[in-house]
Amino acid sequence: MQVRQEVHGKVLVIHLERPDKRNAINEAMAAGIDAALNRLDDDPDLWVGVLTGTPAVFCAGTDIKEGSGPLTERGGEYGIIRRTRDTPLIAAVEGMALGGGFEIALACDLIVAARDATFGLPESLRGLVATSGALFRAPRALPVNVARELLITGNRLTADRAFTLGVVNEVAEPGDALAAALRMAEQICLSSPVSVRESLRAVHALTADDDVAGWEITERAKQVILASADKREGIDAFFEKRPPRWTGR
């Protein structure tokens, strides 16, 4: 089982468990995330969700070899990226959250990260572009210059820097991200679920129109990348474990 669910009172914990592939998302894992979040959305007895990976890694994004499958009906990419939610979801990050893994964290409402966690968008190093929301969510969550840095250099953010910049809500000691996220979830559960739901709906409504424009911009960039020779070279170089030979075309 690549996605495991467990309930702690009114909190649903969703575990990504594909450690041999650094929790890279394939079609089966995307379906598992989608099913878990459908449960979170539909069960009135679940007030908060926590999404976490394994002790060594949160998620390395799309499985480049297998692909992540078609968009899910309610969640879009990975079962989460385009989901309309009003039940709060916390990302508990240990290790790396790279590419689509960072985009999954950005799709959550709150992020708790272990001190040794790192966040990055390495797509440009492979001749690709971030297609699961980071082109517009990263500049929204981070200072624009930092978002540009991540998108065009492949550099990574440490948890401490991400906290200072405001994208991470809490930094925990290594191994304690899930426990800290569960404490945060319990704090949310002290509030009225109606109040929490309506507050999230209001905040999400503020960016709804921007998201529409963001997806249009992302689709244009995606089409350019799909037609490029650099995209094919980047993928070949990745599998052949060699530096890419870019042509700029």
Protein backbone atom coordinates (compact mmCIF):
# COMPACT_ATOMS: atom_id res chain seq x y z
CA MET A 1 0.00 0.00 0.00
CA GLN A 2 1.55 3.30 -1.12
CA VAL A 3 -0.83 5.59 0.77
CA ARG A 4 -1.85 4.69 4.31
CA GLN A 5 -4.58 6.36 6.36
CA GLU A 6 -4.95 6.46 10.10
CA VAL A 7 -7.36 8.38 12.31
CA HIS A 8 -6.36 10.20 15.50
CA GLY A 9 -9.62 11.42 17.02
CA LYS A 10 -10.89 14.00 14.54
CA VAL A 11 -7.63 14.08 12.57
CA LEU A 12 -6.92 12.01 9.45
CA VAL A 13 -3.23 11.30 8.92
CA ILE A 14 -2.27 10.41 5.34
CA HIS A 15 1.11 8.68 4.94
CA LEU A 16 2.95 8.55 1.62
CA GLU A 17 4.83 5.25 1.70
CA ARG A 18 6.92 4.53 -1.36
CA PRO A 19 10.36 4.99 0.17
CA ASP A 20 12.28 3.05 -2.49
CA LYS A 21 11.20 5.75 -4.98
CA ARG A 22 11.55 8.67 -2.53
CA ASN A 23 7.73 8.78 -2.42
CA ALA A 24 7.64 9.84 -6.09
CA ILE A 25 4.05 9.97 -7.27
CA ASN A 26 2.83 7.37 -9.75
CA GLU A 27 -0.76 6.74 -10.80
CA ALA A 28 -1.49 4.38 -7.89
CA MET A 29 -0.17 6.82 -5.31
CA ALA A 30 -2.11 9.72 -6.85
CA ALA A 31 -5.27 7.62 -6.64
CA GLY A 32 -4.49 6.83 -3.00
CA ILE A 33 -4.03 10.50 -2.12
CA ASP A 34 -7.24 11.33 -3.95
CA ALA A 35 -9.21 8.67 -2.04
CA ALA A 36 -7.83 9.82 1.31
CA LEU A 37 -8.64 13.47 0.65
CA ASN A 38 -12.12 12.54 -0.61
CA ARG A 39 -12.63 10.87 2.77
CA LEU A 40 -11.35 13.95 4.57
CA ASP A 41 -13.66 16.21 2.56
CA ASP A 42 -16.74 14.02 2.96
CA ASP A 43 -16.59 12.75 6.56
CA PRO A 44 -18.06 15.35 8.97
CA ASP A 45 -16.29 13.66 11.87
CA LEU A 46 -12.87 14.51 10.41
CA TRP A 47 -11.93 18.11 11.12
CA VAL A 48 -8.27 18.28 10.08
CA GLY A 49 -5.95 16.35 7.77
CA VAL A 50 -2.19 15.82 8.04
CA LEU A 51 -0.22 14.72 4.98
CA THR A 52 3.24 13.29 5.59
CA GLY A 53 5.88 11.12 3.98
CA THR A 54 8.40 8.68 5.40
CA PRO A 55 11.05 9.60 8.00
CA ALA A 56 13.68 10.25 5.31
CA VAL A 57 11.67 12.02 2.60
CA PHE A 58 8.40 13.83 2.10
CA CYS A 59 8.06 13.53 -1.69
CA ALA A 60 10.31 13.83 -4.75
CA GLY A 61 7.44 14.78 -7.08
CA THR A 62 6.34 12.89 -10.17
CA ASP A 63 7.78 9.48 -10.92
CA ILE A 64 9.50 10.45 -14.16
CA LYS A 65 9.60 6.88 -15.43
CA GLU A 66 5.98 5.89 -14.71
CA GLY A 67 4.24 9.27 -14.67
CA SER A 68 1.57 10.30 -12.17
CA GLY A 69 -1.43 9.28 -14.27
CA PRO A 70 -4.39 11.39 -15.40
CA LEU A 71 -5.84 14.23 -13.36
CA THR A 72 -8.15 12.91 -10.67
CA GLU A 73 -11.75 14.07 -10.85
CA ARG A 74 -11.80 16.04 -7.60
CA GLY A 75 -8.13 16.71 -6.94
CA GLY A 76 -6.43 17.19 -10.27
CA GLU A 77 -2.71 16.41 -10.24
CA TYR A 78 -1.68 13.96 -7.51
CA GLY A 79 -5.24 14.00 -6.19
CA ILE A 80 -4.58 17.28 -4.38
CA ILE A 81 -3.20 20.11 -6.52
CA ARG A 82 -6.48 21.49 -7.93
CA ARG A 83 -8.74 20.32 -5.11
CA THR A 84 -11.27 22.75 -3.66
CA ARG A 85 -11.10 22.14 0.09
CA ASP A 86 -12.52 23.68 3.24
CA THR A 87 -11.14 21.12 5.71
CA PRO A 88 -7.67 22.26 6.81
CA LEU A 89 -4.72 20.20 5.64
CA ILE A 90 -1.25 20.33 7.20
CA ALA A 91 1.89 19.10 5.44
CA ALA A 92 4.34 17.43 7.85
CA VAL A 93 7.68 17.43 6.02
CA GLU A 94 10.73 15.34 6.84
CA GLY A 95 13.64 15.27 4.40
CA MET A 96 13.16 16.51 0.85
CA ALA A 97 10.08 18.11 -0.68
CA LEU A 98 11.21 18.58 -4.27
CA GLY A 99 9.40 19.48 -7.47
CA GLY A 100 5.88 18.14 -7.22
CA GLY A 101 6.59 17.33 -3.57
CA PHE A 102 7.02 21.03 -2.83
CA GLU A 103 3.95 21.76 -4.95
CA ILE A 104 1.96 19.30 -2.79
CA ALA A 105 3.12 21.15 0.33
CA LEU A 106 2.14 24.48 -1.26
CA ALA A 107 -1.33 23.05 -1.93
CA CYS A 108 -1.79 22.42 1.80
CA ASP A 109 -2.97 25.12 4.21
CA LEU A 110 -0.09 24.89 6.69
CA ILE A 111 3.42 23.41 6.65
CA VAL A 112 5.37 21.93 9.55
CA ALA A 113 8.94 20.99 8.64
CA ALA A 114 11.78 19.20 10.36
CA ARG A 115 14.83 21.40 10.78
CA ASP A 116 16.80 19.33 8.27
CA ALA A 117 14.02 19.36 5.64
CA THR A 118 14.65 21.03 2.29
CA PHE A 119 12.34 22.45 -0.36
CA GLY A 120 13.13 22.90 -4.05
CA LEU A 121 11.87 23.13 -7.61
CA PRO A 122 14.56 21.40 -9.71
CA GLU A 123 12.53 21.14 -12.92
CA SER A 124 14.68 23.62 -14.87
CA LEU A 125 17.72 21.40 -14.27
CA ARG A 126 15.90 18.69 -16.26
CA GLY A 127 14.60 20.86 -19.08
CA LEU A 128 11.14 20.97 -17.51
CA VAL A 129 8.91 23.54 -15.84
CA ALA A 130 6.83 23.26 -12.66
CA THR A 131 3.33 22.29 -13.83
CA SER A 132 1.50 21.58 -10.56
CA GLY A 133 0.94 25.08 -9.29
CA ALA A 134 4.39 26.34 -8.32
CA LEU A 135 4.60 28.88 -11.16
CA PHE A 136 1.98 30.96 -9.34
CA ARG A 137 1.84 29.52 -5.81
CA ALA A 138 5.57 29.89 -5.13
CA PRO A 139 5.56 33.66 -5.90
CA ARG A 140 2.42 33.95 -3.75
CA ALA A 141 3.91 32.13 -0.75
CA LEU A 142 7.46 33.50 -1.03
CA PRO A 143 9.10 36.81 -1.92
CA VAL A 144 9.05 37.01 -5.71
CA ASN A 145 12.84 37.09 -6.02
CA VAL A 146 13.16 33.94 -3.93
CA ALA A 147 10.49 32.19 -6.00
CA ARG A 148 12.38 33.16 -9.16
CA GLU A 149 15.58 31.78 -7.65
CA LEU A 150 13.99 28.41 -6.94
CA LEU A 151 12.29 28.20 -10.34
CA ILE A 152 15.31 29.02 -12.50
CA THR A 153 18.32 27.74 -10.51
CA GLY A 154 17.08 24.58 -8.83
CA ASN A 155 18.47 25.86 -5.51
CA ARG A 156 16.86 24.56 -2.32
CA LEU A 157 15.39 26.26 0.72
CA THR A 158 16.29 25.03 4.18
CA ALA A 159 13.47 24.69 6.67
CA ASP A 160 14.82 27.57 8.75
CA ARG A 161 14.97 29.90 5.74
CA ALA A 162 11.51 28.78 4.63
CA PHE A 163 10.22 29.57 8.13
CA THR A 164 11.85 33.01 8.10
CA LEU A 165 10.28 33.71 4.70
CA GLY A 166 6.85 32.63 5.94
CA VAL A 167 6.13 29.55 3.83
CA VAL A 168 6.72 27.16 6.76
CA ASN A 169 4.57 27.67 9.86
CA GLU A 170 6.65 25.71 12.36
CA VAL A 171 10.08 24.09 12.44
CA ALA A 172 10.42 20.87 14.47
CA GLU A 173 13.41 18.80 15.43
CA PRO A 174 14.30 16.03 12.95
CA GLY A 175 11.87 13.15 13.31
CA ASP A 176 9.27 15.29 15.09
CA ALA A 177 7.46 16.94 12.16
CA LEU A 178 4.45 14.63 12.34
CA ALA A 179 4.13 14.99 16.11
CA ALA A 180 4.29 18.78 15.78
CA ALA A 181 1.70 18.71 12.98
CA LEU A 182 -0.61 16.60 15.14
CA ARG A 183 -0.29 19.14 17.96
CA MET A 184 -1.19 21.88 15.50
CA ALA A 185 -4.16 19.81 14.28
CA GLU A 186 -5.38 19.38 17.85
CA GLN A 187 -5.12 23.13 18.32
CA ILE A 188 -7.32 23.63 15.25
CA CYS A 189 -9.81 21.13 16.67
CA LEU A 190 -10.34 23.44 19.66
CA SER A 191 -12.07 25.84 17.25
CA SER A 192 -15.54 25.43 15.81
CA PRO A 193 -15.30 23.41 12.58
CA VAL A 194 -17.90 25.75 11.08
CA SER A 195 -15.71 28.76 11.88
CA VAL A 196 -12.62 27.03 10.50
CA ARG A 197 -14.41 25.98 7.33
CA GLU A 198 -15.81 29.44 6.60
CA SER A 199 -12.48 31.11 7.35
CA LEU A 200 -10.69 28.84 4.87
CA ARG A 201 -13.39 29.40 2.26
CA ALA A 202 -12.92 33.15 2.60
CA VAL A 203 -9.14 32.95 2.27
CA HIS A 204 -9.34 30.60 -0.71
CA ALA A 205 -11.85 32.90 -2.43
CA LEU A 206 -9.29 35.72 -2.37
CA THR A 207 -7.02 33.83 -4.79
CA ALA A 208 -9.58 31.94 -6.88
CA ASP A 209 -9.39 34.33 -9.86
CA ASP A 210 -5.59 34.39 -9.68
CA ASP A 211 -5.56 30.59 -9.80
CA VAL A 212 -7.51 30.61 -13.06
CA ALA A 213 -4.93 32.91 -14.63
CA GLY A 214 -2.13 30.88 -13.06
CA TRP A 215 -3.32 27.64 -14.65
CA GLU A 216 -3.59 29.36 -18.07
CA ILE A 217 -0.01 30.61 -17.76
CA THR A 218 1.16 27.18 -16.61
CA GLU A 219 -0.49 25.49 -19.59
CA ARG A 220 1.23 27.86 -22.04
CA ALA A 221 4.62 27.16 -20.45
CA LYS A 222 3.91 23.43 -20.47
CA GLN A 223 3.16 23.41 -24.20
CA VAL A 224 6.43 25.20 -24.99
CA ILE A 225 8.36 22.70 -22.88
CA LEU A 226 6.66 19.69 -24.46
CA ALA A 227 7.82 20.85 -27.90
CA SER A 228 11.40 21.61 -26.87
CA ALA A 229 14.51 19.60 -27.62
CA ASP A 230 15.87 20.58 -24.20
CA LYS A 231 13.02 18.72 -22.51
CA ARG A 232 13.93 15.50 -24.31
CA GLU A 233 17.64 16.03 -23.55
CA GLY A 234 16.92 16.71 -19.87
CA ILE A 235 14.96 13.49 -19.46
CA ASP A 236 17.56 11.46 -21.35
CA ALA A 237 20.36 12.92 -19.21
CA PHE A 238 18.42 12.15 -16.03
CA PHE A 239 18.07 8.47 -16.89
CA GLU A 240 21.61 8.23 -18.23
CA LYS A 241 22.97 9.93 -15.09
CA ARG A 242 25.00 12.51 -16.99
CA PRO A 243 25.03 16.31 -17.30
CA PRO A 244 22.56 17.54 -19.91
CA ARG A 245 23.82 19.11 -23.14
CA TRP A 246 21.43 22.03 -23.61
CA THR A 247 20.80 23.61 -26.99
CA GLY A 248 18.32 26.29 -25.94
CA ARG A 249 15.74 24.95 -28.38
